[in-house]
C-alpha atoms as a PDB file:
ATOM      1  CA  MET A   1      -2.601 -31.440  33.522  1.00  0.00           C
ATOM      2  CA  LYS A   2      -2.537 -27.933  32.865  1.00  0.00           C
ATOM      3  CA  ILE A   3      -5.269 -25.641  32.658  1.00  0.00           C
ATOM      4  CA  ASN A   4      -5.537 -22.030  31.379  1.00  0.00           C
ATOM      5  CA  GLU A   5      -8.341 -19.854  30.727  1.00  0.00           C
ATOM      6  CA  THR A   6      -9.515 -19.020  27.037  1.00  0.00           C
ATOM      7  CA  ARG A   7      -9.020 -15.061  26.513  1.00  0.00           C
ATOM      8  CA  LYS A   8     -12.768 -15.185  25.503  1.00  0.00           C
ATOM      9  CA  ARG A   9     -13.441 -16.261  29.175  1.00  0.00           C
ATOM     10  CA  SER A  10     -11.263 -13.465  30.620  1.00  0.00           C
ATOM     11  CA  LEU A  11     -12.498 -10.698  28.303  1.00  0.00           C
ATOM     12  CA  LEU A  12     -16.297 -11.690  29.938  1.00  0.00           C
ATOM     13  CA  LYS A  13     -15.267 -12.114  33.371  1.00  0.00           C
ATOM     14  CA  ALA A  14     -13.959  -8.691  32.626  1.00  0.00           C
ATOM     15  CA  VAL A  15     -16.769  -6.974  30.927  1.00  0.00           C
ATOM     16  CA  SER A  16     -19.191  -8.150  33.073  1.00  0.00           C
ATOM     17  CA  PHE A  17     -17.723  -7.096  36.232  1.00  0.00           C
ATOM     18  CA  ARG A  18     -16.942  -3.926  34.742  1.00  0.00           C
ATOM     19  CA  LEU A  19     -20.616  -3.168  33.532  1.00  0.00           C
ATOM     20  CA  ILE A  20     -21.232  -4.094  37.113  1.00  0.00           C
ATOM     21  CA  GLU A  21     -19.286  -1.171  38.372  1.00  0.00           C
ATOM     22  CA  ILE A  22     -19.978   1.207  35.264  1.00  0.00           C
ATOM     23  CA  ALA A  23     -23.542   1.052  37.015  1.00  0.00           C
ATOM     24  CA  LEU A  24     -22.280   1.591  40.354  1.00  0.00           C
ATOM     25  CA  ASP A  25     -19.773   4.462  39.420  1.00  0.00           C
ATOM     26  CA  THR A  26     -23.207   6.480  38.179  1.00  0.00           C
ATOM     27  CA  LEU A  27     -25.194   5.760  40.931  1.00  0.00           C
ATOM     28  CA  ILE A  28     -22.588   7.307  43.187  1.00  0.00           C
ATOM     29  CA  LEU A  29     -21.111   9.947  41.343  1.00  0.00           C
ATOM     30  CA  SER A  30     -24.791  11.153  39.878  1.00  0.00           C
ATOM     31  CA  ILE A  31     -24.522  12.182  44.097  1.00  0.00           C
ATOM     32  CA  PHE A  32     -21.832  14.765  43.009  1.00  0.00           C
ATOM     33  CA  VAL A  33     -21.687  15.699  39.743  1.00  0.00           C
ATOM     34  CA  SER A  34     -24.472  15.713  37.113  1.00  0.00           C
ATOM     35  CA  PRO A  35     -25.944  12.530  35.099  1.00  0.00           C
ATOM     36  CA  GLN A  36     -24.282  13.035  32.245  1.00  0.00           C
ATOM     37  CA  ILE A  37     -20.500  13.696  33.613  1.00  0.00           C
ATOM     38  CA  ALA A  38     -21.399  10.893  35.875  1.00  0.00           C
ATOM     39  CA  ILE A  39     -22.142   8.816  33.478  1.00  0.00           C
ATOM     40  CA  THR A  40     -18.770   9.653  31.123  1.00  0.00           C
ATOM     41  CA  LEU A  41     -16.780   9.396  34.249  1.00  0.00           C
ATOM     42  CA  ALA A  42     -18.053   6.314  34.404  1.00  0.00           C
ATOM     43  CA  VAL A  43     -17.609   4.726  31.311  1.00  0.00           C
ATOM     44  CA  LEU A  44     -13.692   6.205  30.970  1.00  0.00           C
ATOM     45  CA  LEU A  45     -12.503   5.397  33.977  1.00  0.00           C
ATOM     46  CA  GLU A  46     -13.919   1.424  34.020  1.00  0.00           C
ATOM     47  CA  GLY A  47     -12.919   1.117  29.927  1.00  0.00           C
ATOM     48  CA  LEU A  48      -9.347   1.975  31.897  1.00  0.00           C
ATOM     49  CA  CYS A  49     -10.006  -0.250  34.022  1.00  0.00           C
ATOM     50  CA  LEU A  50     -11.134  -2.677  31.623  1.00  0.00           C
ATOM     51  CA  ALA A  51      -8.078  -2.752  29.476  1.00  0.00           C
ATOM     52  CA  LEU A  52      -5.838  -3.104  32.676  1.00  0.00           C
ATOM     53  CA  HIS A  53      -8.076  -6.029  34.074  1.00  0.00           C
ATOM     54  CA  TYR A  54      -7.975  -8.126  30.950  1.00  0.00           C
ATOM     55  CA  GLY A  55      -4.473  -7.539  30.976  1.00  0.00           C
ATOM     56  CA  PHE A  56      -3.542  -8.622  34.284  1.00  0.00           C
ATOM     57  CA  GLU A  57      -5.875 -12.001  34.079  1.00  0.00           C
ATOM     58  CA  ARG A  58      -4.185 -12.892  31.213  1.00  0.00           C
ATOM     59  CA  VAL A  59      -0.406 -12.422  32.525  1.00  0.00           C
ATOM     60  CA  PHE A  60      -1.661 -13.912  35.974  1.00  0.00           C
ATOM     61  CA  ASN A  61      -3.294 -16.864  33.698  1.00  0.00           C
ATOM     62  CA  LYS A  62       0.408 -17.822  32.433  1.00  0.00           C
ATOM     63  CA  ILE A  63       1.629 -18.107  36.160  1.00  0.00           C
ATOM     64  CA  GLN A  64       0.635 -21.737  37.620  1.00  0.00           C
ATOM     65  CA  TRP A  65       1.589 -20.843  41.266  1.00  0.00           C
ATOM     66  CA  GLY A  66      -1.047 -21.433  43.671  1.00  0.00           C
ATOM     67  CA  ARG A  67      -3.316 -24.096  41.828  1.00  0.00           C
ATOM     68  CA  ASP A  68      -4.446 -27.197  42.473  1.00  0.00           C
ATOM     69  CA  ILE A  69      -5.327 -29.891  39.542  1.00  0.00           C
ATOM     70  CA  VAL A  70      -6.414 -32.428  41.128  1.00  0.00           C
ATOM     71  CA  LYS A  71      -6.812 -35.752  38.823  1.00  0.00           C
ATOM     72  CA  GLU A  72     -10.298 -37.458  39.083  1.00  0.00           C
ATOM     73  CA  SER A  73     -10.275 -41.368  39.896  1.00  0.00           C
ATOM     74  CA  GLU A  74     -11.343 -43.746  37.146  1.00  0.00           C
ATOM     75  CA  ASN A  75     -13.294 -45.939  39.384  1.00  0.00           C
ATOM     76  CA  GLU A  76     -15.558 -42.614  40.170  1.00  0.00           C
ATOM     77  CA  GLY A  77     -18.885 -42.140  38.338  1.00  0.00           C
END
């Protein structure tokens, strides 16, 4: 049995994580620079990270090493 994540799942994971990071980055950066600059920097940096994260997820999805797949017995249920 081979299990792979769909592209939609990888994209949703990457986007949702990056949205959380944009909010946190904006809060932290706004301590040092104006809120407008903080938002711009956060969106640019996290946009780049989103693309890298998505690509990493897709490449890593092809690697089966470290995955344990347990078949359910037909008697359970």
